[in-house]
Amino acid sequence: RLSCAASGIIFSILHMDWHRQAPGKE
């Protein structure tokens, strides 16, 4: 289970998402 905690000044969030990158790949 991954978590992502956001802090700071955030305006009008459209979305939050997850991306991944394997070694040597996009």
mmCIF file of all heavy atoms, coordinates in Angstrom:
data_MODEL
# 
_entry.id   MODEL 
# 
loop_
_atom_site.group_PDB 
_atom_site.id 
_atom_site.type_symbol 
_atom_site.label_atom_id 
_atom_site.label_alt_id 
_atom_site.label_comp_id 
_atom_site.label_asym_id 
_atom_site.label_entity_id 
_atom_site.label_seq_id 
_atom_site.pdbx_PDB_ins_code 
_atom_site.Cartn_x 
_atom_site.Cartn_y 
_atom_site.Cartn_z 
_atom_site.occupancy 
_atom_site.B_iso_or_equiv 
_atom_site.pdbx_formal_charge 
_atom_site.auth_seq_id 
_atom_site.auth_comp_id 
_atom_site.auth_asym_id 
_atom_site.auth_atom_id 
_atom_site.pdbx_PDB_model_num 
ATOM 1   N N   . ARG A 1 1  ? 0.849  -1.185 0.000   1.00 0.00 ? 1  ARG A N   1 
ATOM 2   C CA  . ARG A 1 1  ? 0.000  0.000  0.000   1.00 0.00 ? 1  ARG A CA  1 
ATOM 3   C C   . ARG A 1 1  ? 0.886  1.236  0.000   1.00 0.00 ? 1  ARG A C   1 
ATOM 4   O O   . ARG A 1 1  ? 1.614  1.474  0.963   1.00 0.00 ? 1  ARG A O   1 
ATOM 5   C CB  . ARG A 1 1  ? -0.921 0.027  1.210   1.00 0.00 ? 1  ARG A CB  1 
ATOM 6   C CG  . ARG A 1 1  ? -1.963 1.142  1.174   1.00 0.00 ? 1  ARG A CG  1 
ATOM 7   C CD  . ARG A 1 1  ? -2.692 1.232  2.487   1.00 0.00 ? 1  ARG A CD  1 
ATOM 8   N NE  . ARG A 1 1  ? -3.835 2.132  2.462   1.00 0.00 ? 1  ARG A NE  1 
ATOM 9   C CZ  . ARG A 1 1  ? -4.180 2.919  3.472   1.00 0.00 ? 1  ARG A CZ  1 
ATOM 10  N NH1 . ARG A 1 1  ? -3.490 2.910  4.597   1.00 0.00 ? 1  ARG A NH1 1 
ATOM 11  N NH2 . ARG A 1 1  ? -5.250 3.702  3.361   1.00 0.00 ? 1  ARG A NH2 1 
ATOM 12  N N   . LEU A 1 2  ? 0.816  2.001  -1.067  1.00 0.00 ? 2  LEU A N   1 
ATOM 13  C CA  . LEU A 1 2  ? 1.583  3.222  -1.181  1.00 0.00 ? 2  LEU A CA  1 
ATOM 14  C C   . LEU A 1 2  ? 0.764  4.413  -0.705  1.00 0.00 ? 2  LEU A C   1 
ATOM 15  O O   . LEU A 1 2  ? -0.450 4.460  -0.896  1.00 0.00 ? 2  LEU A O   1 
ATOM 16  C CB  . LEU A 1 2  ? 2.009  3.466  -2.627  1.00 0.00 ? 2  LEU A CB  1 
ATOM 17  C CG  . LEU A 1 2  ? 2.753  2.334  -3.328  1.00 0.00 ? 2  LEU A CG  1 
ATOM 18  C CD1 . LEU A 1 2  ? 3.168  2.777  -4.728  1.00 0.00 ? 2  LEU A CD1 1 
ATOM 19  C CD2 . LEU A 1 2  ? 3.957  1.881  -2.520  1.00 0.00 ? 2  LEU A CD2 1 
ATOM 20  N N   . SER A 1 3  ? 1.445  5.369  -0.103  1.00 0.00 ? 3  SER A N   1 
ATOM 21  C CA  . SER A 1 3  ? 0.811  6.597  0.341   1.00 0.00 ? 3  SER A CA  1 
ATOM 22  C C   . SER A 1 3  ? 1.538  7.788  -0.255  1.00 0.00 ? 3  SER A C   1 
ATOM 23  O O   . SER A 1 3  ? 2.752  7.743  -0.471  1.00 0.00 ? 3  SER A O   1 
ATOM 24  C CB  . SER A 1 3  ? 0.836  6.717  1.871   1.00 0.00 ? 3  SER A CB  1 
ATOM 25  O OG  . SER A 1 3  ? 0.129  5.666  2.480   1.00 0.00 ? 3  SER A OG  1 
ATOM 26  N N   . CYS A 1 4  ? 0.798  8.840  -0.496  1.00 0.00 ? 4  CYS A N   1 
ATOM 27  C CA  . CYS A 1 4  ? 1.367  10.088 -0.992  1.00 0.00 ? 4  CYS A CA  1 
ATOM 28  C C   . CYS A 1 4  ? 0.716  11.225 -0.232  1.00 0.00 ? 4  CYS A C   1 
ATOM 29  O O   . CYS A 1 4  ? -0.480 11.479 -0.396  1.00 0.00 ? 4  CYS A O   1 
ATOM 30  C CB  . CYS A 1 4  ? 1.126  10.232 -2.493  1.00 0.00 ? 4  CYS A CB  1 
ATOM 31  S SG  . CYS A 1 4  ? 1.633  11.824 -3.184  1.00 0.00 ? 4  CYS A SG  1 
ATOM 32  N N   . ALA A 1 5  ? 1.491  11.896 0.579   1.00 0.00 ? 5  ALA A N   1 
ATOM 33  C CA  . ALA A 1 5  ? 0.992  13.001 1.388   1.00 0.00 ? 5  ALA A CA  1 
ATOM 34  C C   . ALA A 1 5  ? 1.412  14.324 0.770   1.00 0.00 ? 5  ALA A C   1 
ATOM 35  O O   . ALA A 1 5  ? 2.593  14.534 0.493   1.00 0.00 ? 5  ALA A O   1 
ATOM 36  C CB  . ALA A 1 5  ? 1.517  12.894 2.816   1.00 0.00 ? 5  ALA A CB  1 
ATOM 37  N N   . ALA A 1 6  ? 0.445  15.193 0.571   1.00 0.00 ? 6  ALA A N   1 
ATOM 38  C CA  . ALA A 1 6  ? 0.687  16.490 -0.040  1.00 0.00 ? 6  ALA A CA  1 
ATOM 39  C C   . ALA A 1 6  ? 0.667  17.586 1.010   1.00 0.00 ? 6  ALA A C   1 
ATOM 40  O O   . ALA A 1 6  ? -0.140 17.563 1.944   1.00 0.00 ? 6  ALA A O   1 
ATOM 41  C CB  . ALA A 1 6  ? -0.353 16.787 -1.109  1.00 0.00 ? 6  ALA A CB  1 
ATOM 42  N N   . SER A 1 7  ? 1.536  18.554 0.838   1.00 0.00 ? 7  SER A N   1 
ATOM 43  C CA  . SER A 1 7  ? 1.566  19.706 1.718   1.00 0.00 ? 7  SER A CA  1 
ATOM 44  C C   . SER A 1 7  ? 1.912  20.945 0.916   1.00 0.00 ? 7  SER A C   1 
ATOM 45  O O   . SER A 1 7  ? 2.365  20.856 -0.225  1.00 0.00 ? 7  SER A O   1 
ATOM 46  C CB  . SER A 1 7  ? 2.570  19.512 2.856   1.00 0.00 ? 7  SER A CB  1 
ATOM 47  O OG  . SER A 1 7  ? 3.886  19.382 2.346   1.00 0.00 ? 7  SER A OG  1 
ATOM 48  N N   . GLY A 1 8  ? 1.711  22.097 1.524   1.00 0.00 ? 8  GLY A N   1 
ATOM 49  C CA  . GLY A 1 8  ? 1.986  23.345 0.854   1.00 0.00 ? 8  GLY A CA  1 
ATOM 50  C C   . GLY A 1 8  ? 0.723  23.979 0.310   1.00 0.00 ? 8  GLY A C   1 
ATOM 51  O O   . GLY A 1 8  ? -0.392 23.594 0.665   1.00 0.00 ? 8  GLY A O   1 
ATOM 52  N N   . ILE A 1 9  ? 0.914  24.930 -0.561  1.00 0.00 ? 9  ILE A N   1 
ATOM 53  C CA  . ILE A 1 9  ? -0.199 25.669 -1.144  1.00 0.00 ? 9  ILE A CA  1 
ATOM 54  C C   . ILE A 1 9  ? -0.627 24.997 -2.434  1.00 0.00 ? 9  ILE A C   1 
ATOM 55  O O   . ILE A 1 9  ? 0.155  24.892 -3.377  1.00 0.00 ? 9  ILE A O   1 
ATOM 56  C CB  . ILE A 1 9  ? 0.192  27.133 -1.405  1.00 0.00 ? 9  ILE A CB  1 
ATOM 57  C CG1 . ILE A 1 9  ? 0.614  27.803 -0.103  1.00 0.00 ? 9  ILE A CG1 1 
ATOM 58  C CG2 . ILE A 1 9  ? -0.967 27.882 -2.047  1.00 0.00 ? 9  ILE A CG2 1 
ATOM 59  C CD1 . ILE A 1 9  ? 1.181  29.185 -0.292  1.00 0.00 ? 9  ILE A CD1 1 
ATOM 60  N N   . ILE A 1 10 ? -1.870 24.543 -2.462  1.00 0.00 ? 10 ILE A N   1 
ATOM 61  C CA  . ILE A 1 10 ? -2.405 23.826 -3.610  1.00 0.00 ? 10 ILE A CA  1 
ATOM 62  C C   . ILE A 1 10 ? -3.684 24.515 -4.062  1.00 0.00 ? 10 ILE A C   1 
ATOM 63  O O   . ILE A 1 10 ? -4.599 24.718 -3.273  1.00 0.00 ? 10 ILE A O   1 
ATOM 64  C CB  . ILE A 1 10 ? -2.699 22.363 -3.279  1.00 0.00 ? 10 ILE A CB  1 
ATOM 65  C CG1 . ILE A 1 10 ? -1.451 21.690 -2.693  1.00 0.00 ? 10 ILE A CG1 1 
ATOM 66  C CG2 . ILE A 1 10 ? -3.168 21.624 -4.523  1.00 0.00 ? 10 ILE A CG2 1 
ATOM 67  C CD1 . ILE A 1 10 ? -1.706 20.298 -2.169  1.00 0.00 ? 10 ILE A CD1 1 
ATOM 68  N N   . PHE A 1 11 ? -3.743 24.833 -5.329  1.00 0.00 ? 11 PHE A N   1 
ATOM 69  C CA  . PHE A 1 11 ? -4.901 25.511 -5.900  1.00 0.00 ? 11 PHE A CA  1 
ATOM 70  C C   . PHE A 1 11 ? -5.619 24.618 -6.897  1.00 0.00 ? 11 PHE A C   1 
ATOM 71  O O   . PHE A 1 11 ? -4.998 24.061 -7.803  1.00 0.00 ? 11 PHE A O   1 
ATOM 72  C CB  . PHE A 1 11 ? -4.469 26.797 -6.606  1.00 0.00 ? 11 PHE A CB  1 
ATOM 73  C CG  . PHE A 1 11 ? -3.803 27.799 -5.717  1.00 0.00 ? 11 PHE A CG  1 
ATOM 74  C CD1 . PHE A 1 11 ? -2.421 27.898 -5.674  1.00 0.00 ? 11 PHE A CD1 1 
ATOM 75  C CD2 . PHE A 1 11 ? -4.552 28.654 -4.937  1.00 0.00 ? 11 PHE A CD2 1 
ATOM 76  C CE1 . PHE A 1 11 ? -1.800 28.826 -4.862  1.00 0.00 ? 11 PHE A CE1 1 
ATOM 77  C CE2 . PHE A 1 11 ? -3.947 29.592 -4.119  1.00 0.00 ? 11 PHE A CE2 1 
ATOM 78  C CZ  . PHE A 1 11 ? -2.565 29.674 -4.078  1.00 0.00 ? 11 PHE A CZ  1 
ATOM 79  N N   . SER A 1 12 ? -6.923 24.507 -6.729  1.00 0.00 ? 12 SER A N   1 
ATOM 80  C CA  . SER A 1 12 ? -7.795 23.886 -7.724  1.00 0.00 ? 12 SER A CA  1 
ATOM 81  C C   . SER A 1 12 ? -7.233 22.566 -8.240  1.00 0.00 ? 12 SER A C   1 
ATOM 82  O O   . SER A 1 12 ? -6.856 22.435 -9.406  1.00 0.00 ? 12 SER A O   1 
ATOM 83  C CB  . SER A 1 12 ? -8.032 24.851 -8.893  1.00 0.00 ? 12 SER A CB  1 
ATOM 84  O OG  . SER A 1 12 ? -8.640 26.042 -8.459  1.00 0.00 ? 12 SER A OG  1 
ATOM 85  N N   . ILE A 1 13 ? -7.195 21.585 -7.371  1.00 0.00 ? 13 ILE A N   1 
ATOM 86  C CA  . ILE A 1 13 ? -6.688 20.266 -7.755  1.00 0.00 ? 13 ILE A CA  1 
ATOM 87  C C   . ILE A 1 13 ? -7.595 19.650 -8.813  1.00 0.00 ? 13 ILE A C   1 
ATOM 88  O O   . ILE A 1 13 ? -8.805 19.549 -8.631  1.00 0.00 ? 13 ILE A O   1 
ATOM 89  C CB  . ILE A 1 13 ? -6.596 19.333 -6.542  1.00 0.00 ? 13 ILE A CB  1 
ATOM 90  C CG1 . ILE A 1 13 ? -5.582 19.873 -5.534  1.00 0.00 ? 13 ILE A CG1 1 
ATOM 91  C CG2 . ILE A 1 13 ? -6.200 17.931 -6.990  1.00 0.00 ? 13 ILE A CG2 1 
ATOM 92  C CD1 . ILE A 1 13 ? -5.533 19.089 -4.242  1.00 0.00 ? 13 ILE A CD1 1 
ATOM 93  N N   . LEU A 1 14 ? -6.990 19.230 -9.908  1.00 0.00 ? 14 LEU A N   1 
ATOM 94  C CA  . LEU A 1 14 ? -7.720 18.544 -10.964 1.00 0.00 ? 14 LEU A CA  1 
ATOM 95  C C   . LEU A 1 14 ? -7.727 17.040 -10.725 1.00 0.00 ? 14 LEU A C   1 
ATOM 96  O O   . LEU A 1 14 ? -8.768 16.397 -10.851 1.00 0.00 ? 14 LEU A O   1 
ATOM 97  C CB  . LEU A 1 14 ? -7.113 18.869 -12.322 1.00 0.00 ? 14 LEU A CB  1 
ATOM 98  C CG  . LEU A 1 14 ? -7.130 20.350 -12.710 1.00 0.00 ? 14 LEU A CG  1 
ATOM 99  C CD1 . LEU A 1 14 ? -6.437 20.547 -14.050 1.00 0.00 ? 14 LEU A CD1 1 
ATOM 100 C CD2 . LEU A 1 14 ? -8.560 20.872 -12.767 1.00 0.00 ? 14 LEU A CD2 1 
ATOM 101 N N   . HIS A 1 15 ? -6.588 16.491 -10.424 1.00 0.00 ? 15 HIS A N   1 
ATOM 102 C CA  . HIS A 1 15 ? -6.504 15.084 -10.069 1.00 0.00 ? 15 HIS A CA  1 
ATOM 103 C C   . HIS A 1 15 ? -5.169 14.784 -9.408  1.00 0.00 ? 15 HIS A C   1 
ATOM 104 O O   . HIS A 1 15 ? -4.235 15.577 -9.460  1.00 0.00 ? 15 HIS A O   1 
ATOM 105 C CB  . HIS A 1 15 ? -6.700 14.176 -11.295 1.00 0.00 ? 15 HIS A CB  1 
ATOM 106 C CG  . HIS A 1 15 ? -5.690 14.364 -12.376 1.00 0.00 ? 15 HIS A CG  1 
ATOM 107 N ND1 . HIS A 1 15 ? -6.014 14.910 -13.597 1.00 0.00 ? 15 HIS A ND1 1 
ATOM 108 C CD2 . HIS A 1 15 ? -4.373 14.052 -12.441 1.00 0.00 ? 15 HIS A CD2 1 
ATOM 109 C CE1 . HIS A 1 15 ? -4.941 14.935 -14.360 1.00 0.00 ? 15 HIS A CE1 1 
ATOM 110 N NE2 . HIS A 1 15 ? -3.932 14.421 -13.673 1.00 0.00 ? 15 HIS A NE2 1 
ATOM 111 N N   . MET A 1 16 ? -5.115 13.623 -8.789  1.00 0.00 ? 16 MET A N   1 
ATOM 112 C CA  . MET A 1 16 ? -3.872 13.072 -8.299  1.00 0.00 ? 16 MET A CA  1 
ATOM 113 C C   . MET A 1 16 ? -3.707 11.700 -8.930  1.00 0.00 ? 16 MET A C   1 
ATOM 114 O O   . MET A 1 16 ? -4.692 10.993 -9.119  1.00 0.00 ? 16 MET A O   1 
ATOM 115 C CB  . MET A 1 16 ? -3.870 12.956 -6.775  1.00 0.00 ? 16 MET A CB  1 
ATOM 116 C CG  . MET A 1 16 ? -4.019 14.288 -6.069  1.00 0.00 ? 16 MET A CG  1 
ATOM 117 S SD  . MET A 1 16 ? -3.917 14.164 -4.260  1.00 0.00 ? 16 MET A SD  1 
ATOM 118 C CE  . MET A 1 16 ? -2.180 13.729 -4.049  1.00 0.00 ? 16 MET A CE  1 
ATOM 119 N N   . ASP A 1 17 ? -2.508 11.359 -9.268  1.00 0.00 ? 17 ASP A N   1 
ATOM 120 C CA  . ASP A 1 17 ? -2.307 10.070 -9.899  1.00 0.00 ? 17 ASP A CA  1 
ATOM 121 C C   . ASP A 1 17 ? -0.953 9.462  -9.553  1.00 0.00 ? 17 ASP A C   1 
ATOM 122 O O   . ASP A 1 17 ? -0.093 10.101 -8.941  1.00 0.00 ? 17 ASP A O   1 
ATOM 123 C CB  . ASP A 1 17 ? -2.519 10.135 -11.425 1.00 0.00 ? 17 ASP A CB  1 
ATOM 124 C CG  . ASP A 1 17 ? -1.737 11.246 -12.110 1.00 0.00 ? 17 ASP A CG  1 
ATOM 125 O OD1 . ASP A 1 17 ? -0.703 11.697 -11.572 1.00 0.00 ? 17 ASP A OD1 1 
ATOM 126 O OD2 . ASP A 1 17 ? -2.170 11.650 -13.214 1.00 0.00 ? 17 ASP A OD2 1 
ATOM 127 N N   . TRP A 1 18 ? -0.815 8.213  -9.946  1.00 0.00 ? 18 TRP A N   1 
ATOM 128 C CA  . TRP A 1 18 ? 0.409  7.448  -9.752  1.00 0.00 ? 18 TRP A CA  1 
ATOM 129 C C   . TRP A 1 18 ? 0.967  7.034  -11.095 1.00 0.00 ? 18 TRP A C   1 
ATOM 130 O O   . TRP A 1 18 ? 0.226  6.595  -11.985 1.00 0.00 ? 18 TRP A O   1 
ATOM 131 C CB  . TRP A 1 18 ? 0.156  6.192  -8.917  1.00 0.00 ? 18 TRP A CB  1 
ATOM 132 C CG  . TRP A 1 18 ? -0.161 6.452  -7.481  1.00 0.00 ? 18 TRP A CG  1 
ATOM 133 C CD1 . TRP A 1 18 ? -1.386 6.600  -6.924  1.00 0.00 ? 18 TRP A CD1 1 
ATOM 134 C CD2 . TRP A 1 18 ? 0.787  6.573  -6.414  1.00 0.00 ? 18 TRP A CD2 1 
ATOM 135 N NE1 . TRP A 1 18 ? -1.274 6.807  -5.567  1.00 0.00 ? 18 TRP A NE1 1 
ATOM 136 C CE2 . TRP A 1 18 ? 0.055  6.797  -5.228  1.00 0.00 ? 18 TRP A CE2 1 
ATOM 137 C CE3 . TRP A 1 18 ? 2.177  6.512  -6.330  1.00 0.00 ? 18 TRP A CE3 1 
ATOM 138 C CZ2 . TRP A 1 18 ? 0.663  6.960  -3.980  1.00 0.00 ? 18 TRP A CZ2 1 
ATOM 139 C CZ3 . TRP A 1 18 ? 2.784  6.675  -5.092  1.00 0.00 ? 18 TRP A CZ3 1 
ATOM 140 C CH2 . TRP A 1 18 ? 2.025  6.898  -3.945  1.00 0.00 ? 18 TRP A CH2 1 
ATOM 141 N N   . HIS A 1 19 ? 2.264  7.167  -11.218 1.00 0.00 ? 19 HIS A N   1 
ATOM 142 C CA  . HIS A 1 19 ? 3.000  6.685  -12.370 1.00 0.00 ? 19 HIS A CA  1 
ATOM 143 C C   . HIS A 1 19 ? 4.154  5.827  -11.872 1.00 0.00 ? 19 HIS A C   1 
ATOM 144 O O   . HIS A 1 19 ? 4.564  5.941  -10.716 1.00 0.00 ? 19 HIS A O   1 
ATOM 145 C CB  . HIS A 1 19 ? 3.541  7.843  -13.211 1.00 0.00 ? 19 HIS A CB  1 
ATOM 146 C CG  . HIS A 1 19 ? 2.481  8.725  -13.786 1.00 0.00 ? 19 HIS A CG  1 
ATOM 147 N ND1 . HIS A 1 19 ? 2.295  8.877  -15.154 1.00 0.00 ? 19 HIS A ND1 1 
ATOM 148 C CD2 . HIS A 1 19 ? 1.547  9.514  -13.190 1.00 0.00 ? 19 HIS A CD2 1 
ATOM 149 C CE1 . HIS A 1 19 ? 1.297  9.718  -15.362 1.00 0.00 ? 19 HIS A CE1 1 
ATOM 150 N NE2 . HIS A 1 19 ? 0.827  10.108 -14.193 1.00 0.00 ? 19 HIS A NE2 1 
ATOM 151 N N   . ARG A 1 20 ? 4.671  4.991  -12.741 1.00 0.00 ? 20 ARG A N   1 
ATOM 152 C CA  . ARG A 1 20 ? 5.813  4.172  -12.359 1.00 0.00 ? 20 ARG A CA  1 
ATOM 153 C C   . ARG A 1 20 ? 6.823  4.137  -13.491 1.00 0.00 ? 20 ARG A C   1 
ATOM 154 O O   . ARG A 1 20 ? 6.488  4.337  -14.656 1.00 0.00 ? 20 ARG A O   1 
ATOM 155 C CB  . ARG A 1 20 ? 5.380  2.748  -11.998 1.00 0.00 ? 20 ARG A CB  1 
ATOM 156 C CG  . ARG A 1 20 ? 4.812  1.957  -13.163 1.00 0.00 ? 20 ARG A CG  1 
ATOM 157 C CD  . ARG A 1 20 ? 4.228  0.651  -12.677 1.00 0.00 ? 20 ARG A CD  1 
ATOM 158 N NE  . ARG A 1 20 ? 3.664  -0.131 -13.761 1.00 0.00 ? 20 ARG A NE  1 
ATOM 159 C CZ  . ARG A 1 20 ? 2.915  -1.213 -13.598 1.00 0.00 ? 20 ARG A CZ  1 
ATOM 160 N NH1 . ARG A 1 20 ? 2.636  -1.649 -12.373 1.00 0.00 ? 20 ARG A NH1 1 
ATOM 161 N NH2 . ARG A 1 20 ? 2.442  -1.862 -14.653 1.00 0.00 ? 20 ARG A NH2 1 
ATOM 162 N N   . GLN A 1 21 ? 8.049  3.848  -13.124 1.00 0.00 ? 21 GLN A N   1 
ATOM 163 C CA  . GLN A 1 21 ? 9.117  3.790  -14.100 1.00 0.00 ? 21 GLN A CA  1 
ATOM 164 C C   . GLN A 1 21 ? 10.043 2.633  -13.761 1.00 0.00 ? 21 GLN A C   1 
ATOM 165 O O   . GLN A 1 21 ? 10.683 2.626  -12.707 1.00 0.00 ? 21 GLN A O   1 
ATOM 166 C CB  . GLN A 1 21 ? 9.901  5.101  -14.138 1.00 0.00 ? 21 GLN A CB  1 
ATOM 167 C CG  . GLN A 1 21 ? 10.915 5.186  -15.255 1.00 0.00 ? 21 GLN A CG  1 
ATOM 168 C CD  . GLN A 1 21 ? 11.456 6.589  -15.430 1.00 0.00 ? 21 GLN A CD  1 
ATOM 169 O OE1 . GLN A 1 21 ? 11.354 7.418  -14.526 1.00 0.00 ? 21 GLN A OE1 1 
ATOM 170 N NE2 . GLN A 1 21 ? 12.017 6.858  -16.590 1.00 0.00 ? 21 GLN A NE2 1 
ATOM 171 N N   . ALA A 1 22 ? 10.091 1.666  -14.655 1.00 0.00 ? 22 ALA A N   1 
ATOM 172 C CA  . ALA A 1 22 ? 11.019 0.555  -14.511 1.00 0.00 ? 22 ALA A CA  1 
ATOM 173 C C   . ALA A 1 22 ? 12.387 0.984  -15.021 1.00 0.00 ? 22 ALA A C   1 
ATOM 174 O O   . ALA A 1 22 ? 12.490 1.878  -15.870 1.00 0.00 ? 22 ALA A O   1 
ATOM 175 C CB  . ALA A 1 22 ? 10.513 -0.658 -15.281 1.00 0.00 ? 22 ALA A CB  1 
ATOM 176 N N   . PRO A 1 23 ? 13.447 0.365  -14.531 1.00 0.00 ? 23 PRO A N   1 
ATOM 177 C CA  . PRO A 1 23 ? 14.791 0.726  -14.992 1.00 0.00 ? 23 PRO A CA  1 
ATOM 178 C C   . PRO A 1 23 ? 14.917 0.636  -16.505 1.00 0.00 ? 23 PRO A C   1 
ATOM 179 O O   . PRO A 1 23 ? 14.545 -0.374 -17.103 1.00 0.00 ? 23 PRO A O   1 
ATOM 180 C CB  . PRO A 1 23 ? 15.685 -0.297 -14.295 1.00 0.00 ? 23 PRO A CB  1 
ATOM 181 C CG  . PRO A 1 23 ? 14.929 -0.669 -13.065 1.00 0.00 ? 23 PRO A CG  1 
ATOM 182 C CD  . PRO A 1 23 ? 13.484 -0.660 -13.484 1.00 0.00 ? 23 PRO A CD  1 
ATOM 183 N N   . GLY A 1 24 ? 15.413 1.687  -17.119 1.00 0.00 ? 24 GLY A N   1 
ATOM 184 C CA  . GLY A 1 24 ? 15.620 1.705  -18.551 1.00 0.00 ? 24 GLY A CA  1 
ATOM 185 C C   . GLY A 1 24 ? 14.374 1.909  -19.382 1.00 0.00 ? 24 GLY A C   1 
ATOM 186 O O   . GLY A 1 24 ? 14.449 1.843  -20.610 1.00 0.00 ? 24 GLY A O   1 
ATOM 187 N N   . LYS A 1 25 ? 13.237 2.164  -18.743 1.00 0.00 ? 25 LYS A N   1 
ATOM 188 C CA  . LYS A 1 25 ? 11.994 2.340  -19.472 1.00 0.00 ? 25 LYS A CA  1 
ATOM 189 C C   . LYS A 1 25 ? 11.377 3.700  -19.168 1.00 0.00 ? 25 LYS A C   1 
ATOM 190 O O   . LYS A 1 25 ? 11.769 4.381  -18.227 1.00 0.00 ? 25 LYS A O   1 
ATOM 191 C CB  . LYS A 1 25 ? 11.002 1.227  -19.131 1.00 0.00 ? 25 LYS A CB  1 
ATOM 192 C CG  . LYS A 1 25 ? 11.462 -0.153 -19.562 1.00 0.00 ? 25 LYS A CG  1 
ATOM 193 C CD  . LYS A 1 25 ? 10.387 -1.195 -19.340 1.00 0.00 ? 25 LYS A CD  1 
ATOM 194 C CE  . LYS A 1 25 ? 10.830 -2.554 -19.834 1.00 0.00 ? 25 LYS A CE  1 
ATOM 195 N NZ  . LYS A 1 25 ? 9.773  -3.584 -19.637 1.00 0.00 ? 25 LYS A NZ  1 
ATOM 196 N N   . GLU A 1 26 ? 10.407 4.071  -19.991 1.00 0.00 ? 26 GLU A N   1 
ATOM 197 C CA  . GLU A 1 26 ? 9.730  5.340  -19.820 1.00 0.00 ? 26 GLU A CA  1 
ATOM 198 C C   . GLU A 1 26 ? 8.748  5.283  -18.655 1.00 0.00 ? 26 GLU A C   1 
ATOM 199 O O   . GLU A 1 26 ? 8.239  4.218  -18.305 1.00 0.00 ? 26 GLU A O   1 
ATOM 200 C CB  . GLU A 1 26 ? 8.980  5.727  -21.098 1.00 0.00 ? 26 GLU A CB  1 
ATOM 201 C CG  . GLU A 1 26 ? 9.877  5.975  -22.292 1.00 0.00 ? 26 GLU A CG  1 
ATOM 202 C CD  . GLU A 1 26 ? 9.102  6.375  -23.525 1.00 0.00 ? 26 GLU A CD  1 
ATOM 203 O OE1 . GLU A 1 26 ? 7.863  6.293  -23.511 1.00 0.00 ? 26 GLU A OE1 1 
ATOM 204 O OE2 . GLU A 1 26 ? 9.736  6.785  -24.510 1.00 0.00 ? 26 GLU A OE2 1 
# 
